[in-house]
Amino acid sequence: MKTHHTLTLRNALSIAILAAALGAGHAYAASSDASSTSAGGTTAKKTERVMSDSWITTKVKSEILANSGTKGFKVKVKTMRGVVALNGTLPSQESIDQVAQIAQKVKGVSSVDTSALTVASK
């Protein structure tokens, strides 16, 4: 009896997750259509910028992880209007410079803020 209850709960949870995912996609499509028809396209530009900032953040994170010299580093990345802000503690100033250089090379990055990166104390 417990197994049947667990399976039913698992099925219900799976259906809820699927419904939420489909609903989110539909809501995004609807908001995208509405934003592209807004006066002056202001909302469309904001949506495009947010998507672009999200893409930049994801790309910077993946480039840091893919680089053999920086892949073990835990760096938080946030992007606002093309400005990438890096946050974390790294082993050396050279590491900070390397991470900043990787971020700067990503398409769409206008500048990189490393003020929240610190060198680990030994």
Foldseek 3Di string as FASTA:
>chain_A
DVVVVVVVVVVVVVVVVVVVVVVVVVVVVVVCVVLCPDVPSPSVVVVVQVVVQVVLQVQLLVQQLPDPVRNVFDWHWGGDQQEIEIADEAADVVNLVVSLVSSVPDPSHPHYHDVRYHHDDD
